[in-house]
Amino acid sequence: TLLDIIEVFFSNIIDKQLSFLTEFIQDHIDSFNEDTKKNAMKILNETRKSRHVLRLTVMLIEKLKSLAPRELLKLFNSFKEKLSSL
């Protein structure tokens, strides 16, 4: 299904691309000058956040893909309402 393809796509980003970027920055950060090091740390933190967001997304896809569209819409609206109050 389309959701399976999206799930695999996000998993690939997590497992390969973001992992490679994180590893590269960690392996080379000591060779950066201070300004570059500061920017690299920002990128590293964003990469970590992105990994968590994508993992959560994959988990949600796994749990929600079996729901009927009407149930999913109801859950979506409830979640959207809660997020807007944060």
PDB file of N, CA and C in Angstrom:
ATOM      1  N   THR A   1       0.836  -1.190   0.000  1.00  0.00           N
ATOM      2  CA  THR A   1       0.000   0.000   0.000  1.00  0.00           C
ATOM      3  C   THR A   1       0.881   1.253   0.000  1.00  0.00           C
ATOM      4  N   LEU A   2       0.248   2.364  -0.235  1.00  0.00           N
ATOM      5  CA  LEU A   2       0.967   3.637  -0.220  1.00  0.00           C
ATOM      6  C   LEU A   2       1.568   3.908   1.158  1.00  0.00           C
ATOM      7  N   LEU A   3       0.844   3.577   2.202  1.00  0.00           N
ATOM      8  CA  LEU A   3       1.377   3.783   3.557  1.00  0.00           C
ATOM      9  C   LEU A   3       2.599   2.916   3.823  1.00  0.00           C
ATOM     10  N   ASP A   4       2.617   1.721   3.279  1.00  0.00           N
ATOM     11  CA  ASP A   4       3.803   0.863   3.417  1.00  0.00           C
ATOM     12  C   ASP A   4       5.014   1.496   2.729  1.00  0.00           C
ATOM     13  N   ILE A   5       4.786   2.074   1.562  1.00  0.00           N
ATOM     14  CA  ILE A   5       5.874   2.728   0.829  1.00  0.00           C
ATOM     15  C   ILE A   5       6.405   3.924   1.616  1.00  0.00           C
ATOM     16  N   ILE A   6       5.508   4.711   2.175  1.00  0.00           N
ATOM     17  CA  ILE A   6       5.914   5.869   2.981  1.00  0.00           C
ATOM     18  C   ILE A   6       6.679   5.409   4.215  1.00  0.00           C
ATOM     19  N   GLU A   7       6.204   4.355   4.836  1.00  0.00           N
ATOM     20  CA  GLU A   7       6.877   3.802   6.015  1.00  0.00           C
ATOM     21  C   GLU A   7       8.307   3.369   5.676  1.00  0.00           C
ATOM     22  N   VAL A   8       8.474   2.674   4.570  1.00  0.00           N
ATOM     23  CA  VAL A   8       9.807   2.237   4.137  1.00  0.00           C
ATOM     24  C   VAL A   8      10.680   3.446   3.798  1.00  0.00           C
ATOM     25  N   PHE A   9      10.112   4.430   3.141  1.00  0.00           N
ATOM     26  CA  PHE A   9      10.848   5.641   2.787  1.00  0.00           C
ATOM     27  C   PHE A   9      11.378   6.341   4.040  1.00  0.00           C
ATOM     28  N   PHE A  10      10.514   6.546   5.032  1.00  0.00           N
ATOM     29  CA  PHE A  10      10.947   7.202   6.274  1.00  0.00           C
ATOM     30  C   PHE A  10      11.965   6.351   7.023  1.00  0.00           C
ATOM     31  N   SER A  11      11.753   5.057   7.047  1.00  0.00           N
ATOM     32  CA  SER A  11      12.712   4.164   7.716  1.00  0.00           C
ATOM     33  C   SER A  11      14.079   4.241   7.051  1.00  0.00           C
ATOM     34  N   ASN A  12      14.086   4.332   5.734  1.00  0.00           N
ATOM     35  CA  ASN A  12      15.337   4.461   4.995  1.00  0.00           C
ATOM     36  C   ASN A  12      16.052   5.769   5.351  1.00  0.00           C
ATOM     37  N   ILE A  13      15.309   6.838   5.456  1.00  0.00           N
ATOM     38  CA  ILE A  13      15.905   8.123   5.849  1.00  0.00           C
ATOM     39  C   ILE A  13      16.522   8.004   7.239  1.00  0.00           C
ATOM     40  N   ILE A  14      15.798   7.393   8.164  1.00  0.00           N
ATOM     41  CA  ILE A  14      16.295   7.231   9.537  1.00  0.00           C
ATOM     42  C   ILE A  14      17.543   6.363   9.548  1.00  0.00           C
ATOM     43  N   ASP A  15      17.451   5.192   8.938  1.00  0.00           N
ATOM     44  CA  ASP A  15      18.512   4.187   9.036  1.00  0.00           C
ATOM     45  C   ASP A  15      19.755   4.521   8.222  1.00  0.00           C
ATOM     46  N   LYS A  16      19.584   5.205   7.123  1.00  0.00           N
ATOM     47  CA  LYS A  16      20.740   5.440   6.250  1.00  0.00           C
ATOM     48  C   LYS A  16      21.174   6.891   6.252  1.00  0.00           C
ATOM     49  N   GLN A  17      20.321   7.770   5.797  1.00  0.00           N
ATOM     50  CA  GLN A  17      20.733   9.149   5.574  1.00  0.00           C
ATOM     51  C   GLN A  17      21.022   9.901   6.868  1.00  0.00           C
ATOM     52  N   LEU A  18      20.102   9.862   7.809  1.00  0.00           N
ATOM     53  CA  LEU A  18      20.332  10.592   9.059  1.00  0.00           C
ATOM     54  C   LEU A  18      21.422   9.941   9.892  1.00  0.00           C
ATOM     55  N   SER A  19      21.501   8.625   9.850  1.00  0.00           N
ATOM     56  CA  SER A  19      22.572   7.927  10.574  1.00  0.00           C
ATOM     57  C   SER A  19      23.933   8.292   9.996  1.00  0.00           C
ATOM     58  N   PHE A  20      24.027   8.332   8.669  1.00  0.00           N
ATOM     59  CA  PHE A  20      25.285   8.691   8.014  1.00  0.00           C
ATOM     60  C   PHE A  20      25.685  10.118   8.373  1.00  0.00           C
ATOM     61  N   LEU A  21      24.732  11.042   8.316  1.00  0.00           N
ATOM     62  CA  LEU A  21      25.022  12.442   8.639  1.00  0.00           C
ATOM     63  C   LEU A  21      25.487  12.587  10.082  1.00  0.00           C
ATOM     64  N   THR A  22      24.796  11.935  11.009  1.00  0.00           N
ATOM     65  CA  THR A  22      25.173  11.985  12.421  1.00  0.00           C
ATOM     66  C   THR A  22      26.578  11.442  12.625  1.00  0.00           C
ATOM     67  N   GLU A  23      26.843  10.295  12.042  1.00  0.00           N
ATOM     68  CA  GLU A  23      28.163   9.670  12.183  1.00  0.00           C
ATOM     69  C   GLU A  23      29.262  10.548  11.575  1.00  0.00           C
ATOM     70  N   PHE A  24      28.987  11.119  10.415  1.00  0.00           N
ATOM     71  CA  PHE A  24      29.978  11.974   9.758  1.00  0.00           C
ATOM     72  C   PHE A  24      30.316  13.183  10.628  1.00  0.00           C
ATOM     73  N   ILE A  25      29.298  13.845  11.140  1.00  0.00           N
ATOM     74  CA  ILE A  25      29.536  15.027  11.981  1.00  0.00           C
ATOM     75  C   ILE A  25      30.313  14.638  13.231  1.00  0.00           C
ATOM     76  N   GLN A  26      29.899  13.562  13.891  1.00  0.00           N
ATOM     77  CA  GLN A  26      30.585  13.143  15.117  1.00  0.00           C
ATOM     78  C   GLN A  26      32.040  12.772  14.847  1.00  0.00           C
ATOM     79  N   ASP A  27      32.307  12.141  13.712  1.00  0.00           N
ATOM     80  CA  ASP A  27      33.670  11.719  13.382  1.00  0.00           C
ATOM     81  C   ASP A  27      34.580  12.884  13.006  1.00  0.00           C
ATOM     82  N   HIS A  28      34.006  13.977  12.499  1.00  0.00           N
ATOM     83  CA  HIS A  28      34.821  15.069  11.974  1.00  0.00           C
ATOM     84  C   HIS A  28      34.720  16.378  12.752  1.00  0.00           C
ATOM     85  N   ILE A  29      33.900  16.435  13.766  1.00  0.00           N
ATOM     86  CA  ILE A  29      33.651  17.704  14.450  1.00  0.00           C
ATOM     87  C   ILE A  29      34.917  18.307  15.063  1.00  0.00           C
ATOM     88  N   ASP A  30      35.838  17.472  15.504  1.00  0.00           N
ATOM     89  CA  ASP A  30      37.068  17.987  16.112  1.00  0.00           C
ATOM     90  C   ASP A  30      37.958  18.710  15.103  1.00  0.00           C
ATOM     91  N   SER A  31      37.783  18.426  13.829  1.00  0.00           N
ATOM     92  CA  SER A  31      38.610  19.077  12.806  1.00  0.00           C
ATOM     93  C   SER A  31      38.008  20.403  12.324  1.00  0.00           C
ATOM     94  N   PHE A  32      36.815  20.754  12.813  1.00  0.00           N
ATOM     95  CA  PHE A  32      36.156  21.991  12.393  1.00  0.00           C
ATOM     96  C   PHE A  32      36.650  23.164  13.221  1.00  0.00           C
ATOM     97  N   ASN A  33      36.624  24.365  12.621  1.00  0.00           N
ATOM     98  CA  ASN A  33      36.915  25.559  13.420  1.00  0.00           C
ATOM     99  C   ASN A  33      35.705  25.840  14.311  1.00  0.00           C
ATOM    100  N   GLU A  34      35.839  26.787  15.212  1.00  0.00           N
ATOM    101  CA  GLU A  34      34.790  27.014  16.226  1.00  0.00           C
ATOM    102  C   GLU A  34      33.443  27.392  15.618  1.00  0.00           C
ATOM    103  N   ASP A  35      33.437  28.267  14.618  1.00  0.00           N
ATOM    104  CA  ASP A  35      32.164  28.651  13.992  1.00  0.00           C
ATOM    105  C   ASP A  35      31.505  27.461  13.298  1.00  0.00           C
ATOM    106  N   THR A  36      32.303  26.705  12.583  1.00  0.00           N
ATOM    107  CA  THR A  36      31.779  25.528  11.887  1.00  0.00           C
ATOM    108  C   THR A  36      31.318  24.481  12.893  1.00  0.00           C
ATOM    109  N   LYS A  37      32.055  24.354  13.981  1.00  0.00           N
ATOM    110  CA  LYS A  37      31.692  23.397  15.032  1.00  0.00           C
ATOM    111  C   LYS A  37      30.323  23.751  15.623  1.00  0.00           C
ATOM    112  N   LYS A  38      30.105  25.051  15.849  1.00  0.00           N
ATOM    113  CA  LYS A  38      28.824  25.505  16.403  1.00  0.00           C
ATOM    114  C   LYS A  38      27.681  25.175  15.438  1.00  0.00           C
ATOM    115  N   ASN A  39      27.897  25.432  14.161  1.00  0.00           N
ATOM    116  CA  ASN A  39      26.879  25.109  13.156  1.00  0.00           C
ATOM    117  C   ASN A  39      26.676  23.601  13.028  1.00  0.00           C
ATOM    118  N   ALA A  40      27.757  22.849  13.110  1.00  0.00           N
ATOM    119  CA  ALA A  40      27.661  21.386  13.032  1.00  0.00           C
ATOM    120  C   ALA A  40      26.855  20.839  14.210  1.00  0.00           C
ATOM    121  N   MET A  41      27.033  21.429  15.380  1.00  0.00           N
ATOM    122  CA  MET A  41      26.260  20.988  16.554  1.00  0.00           C
ATOM    123  C   MET A  41      24.772  21.280  16.364  1.00  0.00           C
ATOM    124  N   LYS A  42      24.457  22.420  15.751  1.00  0.00           N
ATOM    125  CA  LYS A  42      23.051  22.731  15.463  1.00  0.00           C
ATOM    126  C   LYS A  42      22.467  21.701  14.495  1.00  0.00           C
ATOM    127  N   ILE A  43      23.245  21.378  13.465  1.00  0.00           N
ATOM    128  CA  ILE A  43      22.792  20.372  12.495  1.00  0.00           C
ATOM    129  C   ILE A  43      22.632  19.013  13.170  1.00  0.00           C
ATOM    130  N   LEU A  44      23.564  18.667  14.040  1.00  0.00           N
ATOM    131  CA  LEU A  44      23.495  17.397  14.763  1.00  0.00           C
ATOM    132  C   LEU A  44      22.237  17.329  15.628  1.00  0.00           C
ATOM    133  N   ASN A  45      21.927  18.413  16.329  1.00  0.00           N
ATOM    134  CA  ASN A  45      20.715  18.447  17.157  1.00  0.00           C
ATOM    135  C   ASN A  45      19.454  18.351  16.302  1.00  0.00           C
ATOM    136  N   GLU A  46      19.431  19.046  15.167  1.00  0.00           N
ATOM    137  CA  GLU A  46      18.283  18.960  14.266  1.00  0.00           C
ATOM    138  C   GLU A  46      18.144  17.552  13.692  1.00  0.00           C
ATOM    139  N   THR A  47      19.264  16.934  13.406  1.00  0.00           N
ATOM    140  CA  THR A  47      19.249  15.561  12.892  1.00  0.00           C
ATOM    141  C   THR A  47      18.663  14.614  13.928  1.00  0.00           C
ATOM    142  N   ARG A  48      19.065  14.779  15.163  1.00  0.00           N
ATOM    143  CA  ARG A  48      18.529  13.927  16.243  1.00  0.00           C
ATOM    144  C   ARG A  48      17.028  14.129  16.401  1.00  0.00           C
ATOM    145  N   LYS A  49      16.587  15.392  16.383  1.00  0.00           N
ATOM    146  CA  LYS A  49      15.151  15.672  16.481  1.00  0.00           C
ATOM    147  C   LYS A  49      14.401  15.046  15.306  1.00  0.00           C
ATOM    148  N   SER A  50      14.972  15.191  14.118  1.00  0.00           N
ATOM    149  CA  SER A  50      14.337  14.635  12.917  1.00  0.00           C
ATOM    150  C   SER A  50      14.199  13.126  13.010  1.00  0.00           C
ATOM    151  N   ARG A  51      15.226  12.474  13.537  1.00  0.00           N
ATOM    152  CA  ARG A  51      15.155  11.013  13.704  1.00  0.00           C
ATOM    153  C   ARG A  51      14.000  10.631  14.624  1.00  0.00           C
ATOM    154  N   HIS A  52      13.846  11.373  15.727  1.00  0.00           N
ATOM    155  CA  HIS A  52      12.758  11.070  16.667  1.00  0.00           C
ATOM    156  C   HIS A  52      11.391  11.317  16.022  1.00  0.00           C
ATOM    157  N   VAL A  53      11.268  12.414  15.297  1.00  0.00           N
ATOM    158  CA  VAL A  53       9.999  12.722  14.636  1.00  0.00           C
ATOM    159  C   VAL A  53       9.663  11.648  13.602  1.00  0.00           C
ATOM    160  N   LEU A  54      10.649  11.251  12.817  1.00  0.00           N
ATOM    161  CA  LEU A  54      10.393  10.222  11.806  1.00  0.00           C
ATOM    162  C   LEU A  54      10.110   8.862  12.433  1.00  0.00           C
ATOM    163  N   ARG A  55      10.791   8.544  13.523  1.00  0.00           N
ATOM    164  CA  ARG A  55      10.489   7.273  14.225  1.00  0.00           C
ATOM    165  C   ARG A  55       9.052   7.276  14.732  1.00  0.00           C
ATOM    166  N   LEU A  56       8.642   8.405  15.315  1.00  0.00           N
ATOM    167  CA  LEU A  56       7.270   8.526  15.794  1.00  0.00           C
ATOM    168  C   LEU A  56       6.290   8.382  14.629  1.00  0.00           C
ATOM    169  N   THR A  57       6.615   8.988  13.508  1.00  0.00           N
ATOM    170  CA  THR A  57       5.762   8.893  12.327  1.00  0.00           C
ATOM    171  C   THR A  57       5.637   7.449  11.848  1.00  0.00           C
ATOM    172  N   VAL A  58       6.748   6.738  11.807  1.00  0.00           N
ATOM    173  CA  VAL A  58       6.723   5.327  11.392  1.00  0.00           C
ATOM    174  C   VAL A  58       5.884   4.507  12.372  1.00  0.00           C
ATOM    175  N   MET A  59       6.059   4.760  13.657  1.00  0.00           N
ATOM    176  CA  MET A  59       5.258   4.037  14.661  1.00  0.00           C
ATOM    177  C   MET A  59       3.774   4.321  14.467  1.00  0.00           C
ATOM    178  N   LEU A  60       3.433   5.576  14.212  1.00  0.00           N
ATOM    179  CA  LEU A  60       2.029   5.934  13.992  1.00  0.00           C
ATOM    180  C   LEU A  60       1.479   5.255  12.740  1.00  0.00           C
ATOM    181  N   ILE A  61       2.251   5.252  11.684  1.00  0.00           N
ATOM    182  CA  ILE A  61       1.805   4.585  10.455  1.00  0.00           C
ATOM    183  C   ILE A  61       1.531   3.114  10.728  1.00  0.00           C
ATOM    184  N   GLU A  62       2.449   2.451  11.441  1.00  0.00           N
ATOM    185  CA  GLU A  62       2.269   1.030  11.750  1.00  0.00           C
ATOM    186  C   GLU A  62       0.978   0.789  12.526  1.00  0.00           C
ATOM    187  N   LYS A  63       0.695   1.663  13.485  1.00  0.00           N
ATOM    188  CA  LYS A  63      -0.497   1.478  14.324  1.00  0.00           C
ATOM    189  C   LYS A  63      -1.784   1.879  13.610  1.00  0.00           C
ATOM    190  N   LEU A  64      -1.728   2.921  12.785  1.00  0.00           N
ATOM    191  CA  LEU A  64      -2.950   3.506  12.252  1.00  0.00           C
ATOM    192  C   LEU A  64      -3.372   2.987  10.884  1.00  0.00           C
ATOM    193  N   LYS A  65      -2.482   2.311  10.171  1.00  0.00           N
ATOM    194  CA  LYS A  65      -2.830   1.915   8.805  1.00  0.00           C
ATOM    195  C   LYS A  65      -3.941   0.868   8.743  1.00  0.00           C
ATOM    196  N   SER A  66      -4.232   0.233   9.843  1.00  0.00           N
ATOM    197  CA  SER A  66      -5.316  -0.754   9.841  1.00  0.00           C
ATOM    198  C   SER A  66      -6.686  -0.127  10.141  1.00  0.00           C
ATOM    199  N   LEU A  67      -6.697   1.147  10.508  1.00  0.00           N
ATOM    200  CA  LEU A  67      -7.965   1.806  10.822  1.00  0.00           C
ATOM    201  C   LEU A  67      -8.735   2.161   9.557  1.00  0.00           C
ATOM    202  N   ALA A  68     -10.040   2.199   9.694  1.00  0.00           N
ATOM    203  CA  ALA A  68     -10.892   2.661   8.602  1.00  0.00           C
ATOM    204  C   ALA A  68     -10.696   4.173   8.446  1.00  0.00           C
ATOM    205  N   PRO A  69     -10.886   4.699   7.243  1.00  0.00           N
ATOM    206  CA  PRO A  69     -10.688   6.138   7.029  1.00  0.00           C
ATOM    207  C   PRO A  69     -11.489   7.022   7.987  1.00  0.00           C
ATOM    208  N   ARG A  70     -12.703   6.632   8.287  1.00  0.00           N
ATOM    209  CA  ARG A  70     -13.536   7.428   9.195  1.00  0.00           C
ATOM    210  C   ARG A  70     -12.941   7.443  10.609  1.00  0.00           C
ATOM    211  N   GLU A  71     -12.468   6.295  11.074  1.00  0.00           N
ATOM    212  CA  GLU A  71     -11.834   6.224  12.401  1.00  0.00           C
ATOM    213  C   GLU A  71     -10.555   7.054  12.434  1.00  0.00           C
ATOM    214  N   LEU A  72      -9.812   6.979  11.355  1.00  0.00           N
ATOM    215  CA  LEU A  72      -8.563   7.728  11.261  1.00  0.00           C
ATOM    216  C   LEU A  72      -8.827   9.234  11.266  1.00  0.00           C
ATOM    217  N   LEU A  73      -9.839   9.672  10.558  1.00  0.00           N
ATOM    218  CA  LEU A  73     -10.193  11.089  10.533  1.00  0.00           C
ATOM    219  C   LEU A  73     -10.623  11.571  11.915  1.00  0.00           C
ATOM    220  N   LYS A  74     -11.384  10.768  12.605  1.00  0.00           N
ATOM    221  CA  LYS A  74     -11.822  11.111  13.962  1.00  0.00           C
ATOM    222  C   LYS A  74     -10.612  11.258  14.890  1.00  0.00           C
ATOM    223  N   LEU A  75      -9.701  10.324  14.808  1.00  0.00           N
ATOM    224  CA  LEU A  75      -8.483  10.368  15.613  1.00  0.00           C
ATOM    225  C   LEU A  75      -7.626  11.573  15.231  1.00  0.00           C
ATOM    226  N   PHE A  76      -7.515  11.840  13.942  1.00  0.00           N
ATOM    227  CA  PHE A  76      -6.753  12.987  13.450  1.00  0.00           C
ATOM    228  C   PHE A  76      -7.307  14.292  14.009  1.00  0.00           C
ATOM    229  N   ASN A  77      -8.609  14.467  13.944  1.00  0.00           N
ATOM    230  CA  ASN A  77      -9.228  15.699  14.441  1.00  0.00           C
ATOM    231  C   ASN A  77      -9.011  15.872  15.937  1.00  0.00           C
ATOM    232  N   SER A  78      -9.090  14.789  16.673  1.00  0.00           N
ATOM    233  CA  SER A  78      -8.845  14.836  18.112  1.00  0.00           C
ATOM    234  C   SER A  78      -7.394  15.226  18.402  1.00  0.00           C
ATOM    235  N   PHE A  79      -6.484  14.622  17.685  1.00  0.00           N
ATOM    236  CA  PHE A  79      -5.058  14.905  17.862  1.00  0.00           C
ATOM    237  C   PHE A  79      -4.741  16.347  17.476  1.00  0.00           C
ATOM    238  N   LYS A  80      -5.313  16.804  16.384  1.00  0.00           N
ATOM    239  CA  LYS A  80      -5.105  18.174  15.906  1.00  0.00           C
ATOM    240  C   LYS A  80      -5.584  19.186  16.946  1.00  0.00           C
ATOM    241  N   GLU A  81      -6.706  18.899  17.551  1.00  0.00           N
ATOM    242  CA  GLU A  81      -7.263  19.770  18.589  1.00  0.00           C
ATOM    243  C   GLU A  81      -6.321  19.853  19.793  1.00  0.00           C
ATOM    244  N   LYS A  82      -5.796  18.711  20.204  1.00  0.00           N
ATOM    245  CA  LYS A  82      -4.870  18.687  21.344  1.00  0.00           C
ATOM    246  C   LYS A  82      -3.576  19.422  21.021  1.00  0.00           C
ATOM    247  N   LEU A  83      -3.079  19.265  19.808  1.00  0.00           N
ATOM    248  CA  LEU A  83      -1.841  19.947  19.415  1.00  0.00           C
ATOM    249  C   LEU A  83      -2.010  21.459  19.385  1.00  0.00           C
ATOM    250  N   SER A  84      -3.166  21.917  18.971  1.00  0.00           N
ATOM    251  CA  SER A  84      -3.380  23.363  18.883  1.00  0.00           C
ATOM    252  C   SER A  84      -3.418  24.023  20.254  1.00  0.00           C
ATOM    253  N   SER A  85      -3.660  23.245  21.290  1.00  0.00           N
ATOM    254  CA  SER A  85      -3.699  23.811  22.642  1.00  0.00           C
ATOM    255  C   SER A  85      -2.332  23.816  23.319  1.00  0.00           C
ATOM    256  N   LEU A  86      -1.316  23.280  22.664  1.00  0.00           N
ATOM    257  CA  LEU A  86       0.032  23.270  23.250  1.00  0.00           C
ATOM    258  C   LEU A  86       0.691  24.628  23.166  1.00  0.00           C
TER     259      LEU A  86
END
